[in-house]
Amino acid sequence: FKALALGADFVQLGRPILWGLAHGGEQGVRHVLKSLLAEFEITVGLAGCAKLADVNATYLAETRG
């Protein structure tokens, strides 16, 4: 979500995919990708965005310290 809000066109997911592959083969990779997609959809919805094009930096909080 953060990468998309900051203007990224794509992100790399190598580590989670390799973890899924190591622990469950092809099915493990499918599970990891489905889980990541579900979490992303929940995050977008909780932010109040109706579509991906609505995601922008105004949805990010600035932290200090």
PDB file of N, CA and C in Angstrom:
ATOM      1  N   PHE A   1       0.821  -1.183   0.000  1.00  0.00           N
ATOM      2  CA  PHE A   1       0.000   0.000   0.000  1.00  0.00           C
ATOM      3  C   PHE A   1       0.870   1.254   0.000  1.00  0.00           C
ATOM      4  N   LYS A   2       1.877   1.261   0.863  1.00  0.00           N
ATOM      5  CA  LYS A   2       2.747   2.430   0.963  1.00  0.00           C
ATOM      6  C   LYS A   2       3.463   2.701  -0.352  1.00  0.00           C
ATOM      7  N   ALA A   3       3.985   1.655  -0.978  1.00  0.00           N
ATOM      8  CA  ALA A   3       4.691   1.838  -2.245  1.00  0.00           C
ATOM      9  C   ALA A   3       3.763   2.406  -3.310  1.00  0.00           C
ATOM     10  N   LEU A   4       2.555   1.880  -3.392  1.00  0.00           N
ATOM     11  CA  LEU A   4       1.578   2.372  -4.366  1.00  0.00           C
ATOM     12  C   LEU A   4       1.215   3.824  -4.065  1.00  0.00           C
ATOM     13  N   ALA A   5       1.010   4.148  -2.792  1.00  0.00           N
ATOM     14  CA  ALA A   5       0.657   5.512  -2.402  1.00  0.00           C
ATOM     15  C   ALA A   5       1.763   6.499  -2.747  1.00  0.00           C
ATOM     16  N   LEU A   6       3.009   6.027  -2.738  1.00  0.00           N
ATOM     17  CA  LEU A   6       4.138   6.896  -3.070  1.00  0.00           C
ATOM     18  C   LEU A   6       4.456   6.919  -4.556  1.00  0.00           C
ATOM     19  N   GLY A   7       3.653   6.230  -5.368  1.00  0.00           N
ATOM     20  CA  GLY A   7       3.802   6.314  -6.815  1.00  0.00           C
ATOM     21  C   GLY A   7       4.453   5.137  -7.509  1.00  0.00           C
ATOM     22  N   ALA A   8       4.715   4.050  -6.799  1.00  0.00           N
ATOM     23  CA  ALA A   8       5.352   2.887  -7.422  1.00  0.00           C
ATOM     24  C   ALA A   8       4.416   2.227  -8.430  1.00  0.00           C
ATOM     25  N   ASP A   9       4.995   1.712  -9.493  1.00  0.00           N
ATOM     26  CA  ASP A   9       4.235   0.966 -10.494  1.00  0.00           C
ATOM     27  C   ASP A   9       4.213  -0.527 -10.173  1.00  0.00           C
ATOM     28  N   PHE A  10       5.216  -0.997  -9.420  1.00  0.00           N
ATOM     29  CA  PHE A  10       5.279  -2.404  -9.039  1.00  0.00           C
ATOM     30  C   PHE A  10       6.192  -2.552  -7.827  1.00  0.00           C
ATOM     31  N   VAL A  11       6.094  -3.703  -7.176  1.00  0.00           N
ATOM     32  CA  VAL A  11       6.997  -4.046  -6.077  1.00  0.00           C
ATOM     33  C   VAL A  11       7.471  -5.477  -6.290  1.00  0.00           C
ATOM     34  N   GLN A  12       8.582  -5.808  -5.682  1.00  0.00           N
ATOM     35  CA  GLN A  12       9.091  -7.170  -5.795  1.00  0.00           C
ATOM     36  C   GLN A  12       8.695  -7.960  -4.550  1.00  0.00           C
ATOM     37  N   LEU A  13       8.344  -9.212  -4.752  1.00  0.00           N
ATOM     38  CA  LEU A  13       7.878 -10.057  -3.658  1.00  0.00           C
ATOM     39  C   LEU A  13       8.710 -11.326  -3.535  1.00  0.00           C
ATOM     40  N   GLY A  14       9.979 -11.241  -3.791  1.00  0.00           N
ATOM     41  CA  GLY A  14      10.826 -12.426  -3.824  1.00  0.00           C
ATOM     42  C   GLY A  14      10.853 -13.234  -2.545  1.00  0.00           C
ATOM     43  N   ARG A  15      11.070 -12.584  -1.415  1.00  0.00           N
ATOM     44  CA  ARG A  15      11.222 -13.320  -0.157  1.00  0.00           C
ATOM     45  C   ARG A  15       9.963 -14.095   0.224  1.00  0.00           C
ATOM     46  N   PRO A  16       8.775 -13.477   0.216  1.00  0.00           N
ATOM     47  CA  PRO A  16       7.585 -14.261   0.575  1.00  0.00           C
ATOM     48  C   PRO A  16       7.324 -15.419  -0.389  1.00  0.00           C
ATOM     49  N   ILE A  17       7.588 -15.212  -1.661  1.00  0.00           N
ATOM     50  CA  ILE A  17       7.368 -16.273  -2.645  1.00  0.00           C
ATOM     51  C   ILE A  17       8.335 -17.429  -2.401  1.00  0.00           C
ATOM     52  N   LEU A  18       9.592 -17.110  -2.131  1.00  0.00           N
ATOM     53  CA  LEU A  18      10.561 -18.169  -1.847  1.00  0.00           C
ATOM     54  C   LEU A  18      10.215 -18.901  -0.555  1.00  0.00           C
ATOM     55  N   TRP A  19       9.719 -18.179   0.441  1.00  0.00           N
ATOM     56  CA  TRP A  19       9.292 -18.822   1.683  1.00  0.00           C
ATOM     57  C   TRP A  19       8.159 -19.809   1.394  1.00  0.00           C
ATOM     58  N   GLY A  20       7.170 -19.377   0.618  1.00  0.00           N
ATOM     59  CA  GLY A  20       6.057 -20.258   0.262  1.00  0.00           C
ATOM     60  C   GLY A  20       6.525 -21.475  -0.512  1.00  0.00           C
ATOM     61  N   LEU A  21       7.456 -21.261  -1.429  1.00  0.00           N
ATOM     62  CA  LEU A  21       7.993 -22.363  -2.225  1.00  0.00           C
ATOM     63  C   LEU A  21       8.731 -23.366  -1.338  1.00  0.00           C
ATOM     64  N   ALA A  22       9.527 -22.857  -0.411  1.00  0.00           N
ATOM     65  CA  ALA A  22      10.303 -23.732   0.466  1.00  0.00           C
ATOM     66  C   ALA A  22       9.414 -24.538   1.412  1.00  0.00           C
ATOM     67  N   HIS A  23       8.303 -23.959   1.814  1.00  0.00           N
ATOM     68  CA  HIS A  23       7.454 -24.622   2.803  1.00  0.00           C
ATOM     69  C   HIS A  23       6.266 -25.369   2.222  1.00  0.00           C
ATOM     70  N   GLY A  24       5.978 -25.147   0.936  1.00  0.00           N
ATOM     71  CA  GLY A  24       4.802 -25.831   0.409  1.00  0.00           C
ATOM     72  C   GLY A  24       4.795 -26.011  -1.091  1.00  0.00           C
ATOM     73  N   GLY A  25       5.942 -25.795  -1.719  1.00  0.00           N
ATOM     74  CA  GLY A  25       5.997 -25.967  -3.165  1.00  0.00           C
ATOM     75  C   GLY A  25       5.061 -24.996  -3.875  1.00  0.00           C
ATOM     76  N   GLU A  26       4.511 -25.457  -4.987  1.00  0.00           N
ATOM     77  CA  GLU A  26       3.622 -24.609  -5.784  1.00  0.00           C
ATOM     78  C   GLU A  26       2.417 -24.145  -4.969  1.00  0.00           C
ATOM     79  N   GLN A  27       1.854 -25.051  -4.183  1.00  0.00           N
ATOM     80  CA  GLN A  27       0.693 -24.682  -3.363  1.00  0.00           C
ATOM     81  C   GLN A  27       1.073 -23.635  -2.315  1.00  0.00           C
ATOM     82  N   GLY A  28       2.282 -23.717  -1.812  1.00  0.00           N
ATOM     83  CA  GLY A  28       2.760 -22.729  -0.846  1.00  0.00           C
ATOM     84  C   GLY A  28       2.863 -21.347  -1.463  1.00  0.00           C
ATOM     85  N   VAL A  29       3.352 -21.294  -2.699  1.00  0.00           N
ATOM     86  CA  VAL A  29       3.441 -20.014  -3.410  1.00  0.00           C
ATOM     87  C   VAL A  29       2.045 -19.459  -3.649  1.00  0.00           C
ATOM     88  N   ARG A  30       1.129 -20.310  -4.076  1.00  0.00           N
ATOM     89  CA  ARG A  30      -0.257 -19.863  -4.299  1.00  0.00           C
ATOM     90  C   ARG A  30      -0.860 -19.299  -3.007  1.00  0.00           C
ATOM     91  N   HIS A  31      -0.609 -19.995  -1.906  1.00  0.00           N
ATOM     92  CA  HIS A  31      -1.147 -19.550  -0.622  1.00  0.00           C
ATOM     93  C   HIS A  31      -0.579 -18.174  -0.237  1.00  0.00           C
ATOM     94  N   VAL A  32       0.721 -18.004  -0.390  1.00  0.00           N
ATOM     95  CA  VAL A  32       1.355 -16.723  -0.057  1.00  0.00           C
ATOM     96  C   VAL A  32       0.779 -15.602  -0.915  1.00  0.00           C
ATOM     97  N   LEU A  33       0.663 -15.827  -2.220  1.00  0.00           N
ATOM     98  CA  LEU A  33       0.141 -14.784  -3.104  1.00  0.00           C
ATOM     99  C   LEU A  33      -1.314 -14.447  -2.787  1.00  0.00           C
ATOM    100  N   LYS A  34      -2.128 -15.468  -2.517  1.00  0.00           N
ATOM    101  CA  LYS A  34      -3.531 -15.216  -2.153  1.00  0.00           C
ATOM    102  C   LYS A  34      -3.617 -14.443  -0.844  1.00  0.00           C
ATOM    103  N   SER A  35      -2.775 -14.787   0.115  1.00  0.00           N
ATOM    104  CA  SER A  35      -2.776 -14.095   1.403  1.00  0.00           C
ATOM    105  C   SER A  35      -2.359 -12.639   1.253  1.00  0.00           C
ATOM    106  N   LEU A  36      -1.311 -12.394   0.476  1.00  0.00           N
ATOM    107  CA  LEU A  36      -0.857 -11.019   0.255  1.00  0.00           C
ATOM    108  C   LEU A  36      -1.924 -10.192  -0.452  1.00  0.00           C
ATOM    109  N   LEU A  37      -2.574 -10.775  -1.444  1.00  0.00           N
ATOM    110  CA  LEU A  37      -3.631 -10.061  -2.161  1.00  0.00           C
ATOM    111  C   LEU A  37      -4.801  -9.748  -1.237  1.00  0.00           C
ATOM    112  N   ALA A  38      -5.188 -10.707  -0.403  1.00  0.00           N
ATOM    113  CA  ALA A  38      -6.293 -10.484   0.535  1.00  0.00           C
ATOM    114  C   ALA A  38      -5.950  -9.375   1.525  1.00  0.00           C
ATOM    115  N   GLU A  39      -4.740  -9.384   2.057  1.00  0.00           N
ATOM    116  CA  GLU A  39      -4.320  -8.343   2.993  1.00  0.00           C
ATOM    117  C   GLU A  39      -4.292  -6.979   2.314  1.00  0.00           C
ATOM    118  N   PHE A  40      -3.831  -6.935   1.073  1.00  0.00           N
ATOM    119  CA  PHE A  40      -3.782  -5.675   0.336  1.00  0.00           C
ATOM    120  C   PHE A  40      -5.191  -5.140   0.101  1.00  0.00           C
ATOM    121  N   GLU A  41      -6.106  -6.016  -0.293  1.00  0.00           N
ATOM    122  CA  GLU A  41      -7.490  -5.593  -0.530  1.00  0.00           C
ATOM    123  C   GLU A  41      -8.127  -5.062   0.752  1.00  0.00           C
ATOM    124  N   ILE A  42      -7.838  -5.694   1.880  1.00  0.00           N
ATOM    125  CA  ILE A  42      -8.359  -5.222   3.165  1.00  0.00           C
ATOM    126  C   ILE A  42      -7.791  -3.841   3.489  1.00  0.00           C
ATOM    127  N   THR A  43      -6.499  -3.666   3.292  1.00  0.00           N
ATOM    128  CA  THR A  43      -5.858  -2.383   3.580  1.00  0.00           C
ATOM    129  C   THR A  43      -6.438  -1.268   2.729  1.00  0.00           C
ATOM    130  N   VAL A  44      -6.618  -1.528   1.437  1.00  0.00           N
ATOM    131  CA  VAL A  44      -7.198  -0.525   0.536  1.00  0.00           C
ATOM    132  C   VAL A  44      -8.615  -0.180   0.993  1.00  0.00           C
ATOM    133  N   GLY A  45      -9.384  -1.179   1.350  1.00  0.00           N
ATOM    134  CA  GLY A  45     -10.748  -0.946   1.814  1.00  0.00           C
ATOM    135  C   GLY A  45     -10.801  -0.170   3.115  1.00  0.00           C
ATOM    136  N   LEU A  46      -9.937  -0.523   4.069  1.00  0.00           N
ATOM    137  CA  LEU A  46      -9.911   0.182   5.347  1.00  0.00           C
ATOM    138  C   LEU A  46      -9.478   1.634   5.188  1.00  0.00           C
ATOM    139  N   ALA A  47      -8.681   1.905   4.162  1.00  0.00           N
ATOM    140  CA  ALA A  47      -8.265   3.287   3.893  1.00  0.00           C
ATOM    141  C   ALA A  47      -9.406   4.093   3.282  1.00  0.00           C
ATOM    142  N   GLY A  48     -10.448   3.401   2.841  1.00  0.00           N
ATOM    143  CA  GLY A  48     -11.594   4.086   2.253  1.00  0.00           C
ATOM    144  C   GLY A  48     -11.466   4.330   0.766  1.00  0.00           C
ATOM    145  N   CYS A  49     -10.568   3.617   0.129  1.00  0.00           N
ATOM    146  CA  CYS A  49     -10.359   3.778  -1.312  1.00  0.00           C
ATOM    147  C   CYS A  49     -11.287   2.829  -2.071  1.00  0.00           C
ATOM    148  N   ALA A  50     -12.022   3.374  -3.025  1.00  0.00           N
ATOM    149  CA  ALA A  50     -12.931   2.558  -3.824  1.00  0.00           C
ATOM    150  C   ALA A  50     -12.187   1.812  -4.925  1.00  0.00           C
ATOM    151  N   LYS A  51     -11.083   2.369  -5.383  1.00  0.00           N
ATOM    152  CA  LYS A  51     -10.292   1.737  -6.445  1.00  0.00           C
ATOM    153  C   LYS A  51      -8.820   2.072  -6.240  1.00  0.00           C
ATOM    154  N   LEU A  52      -7.944   1.316  -6.887  1.00  0.00           N
ATOM    155  CA  LEU A  52      -6.507   1.522  -6.714  1.00  0.00           C
ATOM    156  C   LEU A  52      -6.074   2.922  -7.116  1.00  0.00           C
ATOM    157  N   ALA A  53      -6.717   3.500  -8.106  1.00  0.00           N
ATOM    158  CA  ALA A  53      -6.351   4.842  -8.563  1.00  0.00           C
ATOM    159  C   ALA A  53      -6.561   5.890  -7.468  1.00  0.00           C
ATOM    160  N   ASP A  54      -7.374   5.568  -6.463  1.00  0.00           N
ATOM    161  CA  ASP A  54      -7.627   6.507  -5.365  1.00  0.00           C
ATOM    162  C   ASP A  54      -6.503   6.529  -4.330  1.00  0.00           C
ATOM    163  N   VAL A  55      -5.642   5.531  -4.342  1.00  0.00           N
ATOM    164  CA  VAL A  55      -4.566   5.439  -3.355  1.00  0.00           C
ATOM    165  C   VAL A  55      -3.502   6.486  -3.677  1.00  0.00           C
ATOM    166  N   ASN A  56      -3.196   7.330  -2.688  1.00  0.00           N
ATOM    167  CA  ASN A  56      -2.142   8.333  -2.858  1.00  0.00           C
ATOM    168  C   ASN A  56      -1.522   8.632  -1.499  1.00  0.00           C
ATOM    169  N   ALA A  57      -0.546   9.509  -1.479  1.00  0.00           N
ATOM    170  CA  ALA A  57       0.227   9.780  -0.268  1.00  0.00           C
ATOM    171  C   ALA A  57      -0.594  10.402   0.854  1.00  0.00           C
ATOM    172  N   THR A  58      -1.768  10.930   0.567  1.00  0.00           N
ATOM    173  CA  THR A  58      -2.581  11.520   1.638  1.00  0.00           C
ATOM    174  C   THR A  58      -3.078  10.453   2.614  1.00  0.00           C
ATOM    175  N   TYR A  59      -3.014   9.195   2.242  1.00  0.00           N
ATOM    176  CA  TYR A  59      -3.446   8.105   3.117  1.00  0.00           C
ATOM    177  C   TYR A  59      -2.335   7.607   4.036  1.00  0.00           C
ATOM    178  N   LEU A  60      -1.157   8.185   3.922  1.00  0.00           N
ATOM    179  CA  LEU A  60      -0.024   7.763   4.740  1.00  0.00           C
ATOM    180  C   LEU A  60       0.143   8.697   5.929  1.00  0.00           C
ATOM    181  N   ALA A  61       0.521   8.145   7.058  1.00  0.00           N
ATOM    182  CA  ALA A  61       0.780   8.939   8.255  1.00  0.00           C
ATOM    183  C   ALA A  61       2.276   9.196   8.368  1.00  0.00           C
ATOM    184  N   GLU A  62       2.617  10.391   8.781  1.00  0.00           N
ATOM    185  CA  GLU A  62       4.022  10.720   9.003  1.00  0.00           C
ATOM    186  C   GLU A  62       4.363  10.423  10.453  1.00  0.00           C
ATOM    187  N   THR A  63       5.433   9.680  10.648  1.00  0.00           N
ATOM    188  CA  THR A  63       5.870   9.377  12.008  1.00  0.00           C
ATOM    189  C   THR A  63       7.186  10.080  12.279  1.00  0.00           C
ATOM    190  N   ARG A  64       7.406  10.401  13.522  1.00  0.00           N
ATOM    191  CA  ARG A  64       8.652  11.075  13.905  1.00  0.00           C
ATOM    192  C   ARG A  64       9.323  10.275  15.007  1.00  0.00           C
ATOM    193  N   GLY A  65      10.645  10.317  14.972  1.00  0.00           N
ATOM    194  CA  GLY A  65      11.384   9.676  16.054  1.00  0.00           C
ATOM    195  C   GLY A  65      11.941   8.429  15.684  1.00  0.00           C
TER     196      GLY A  65
END
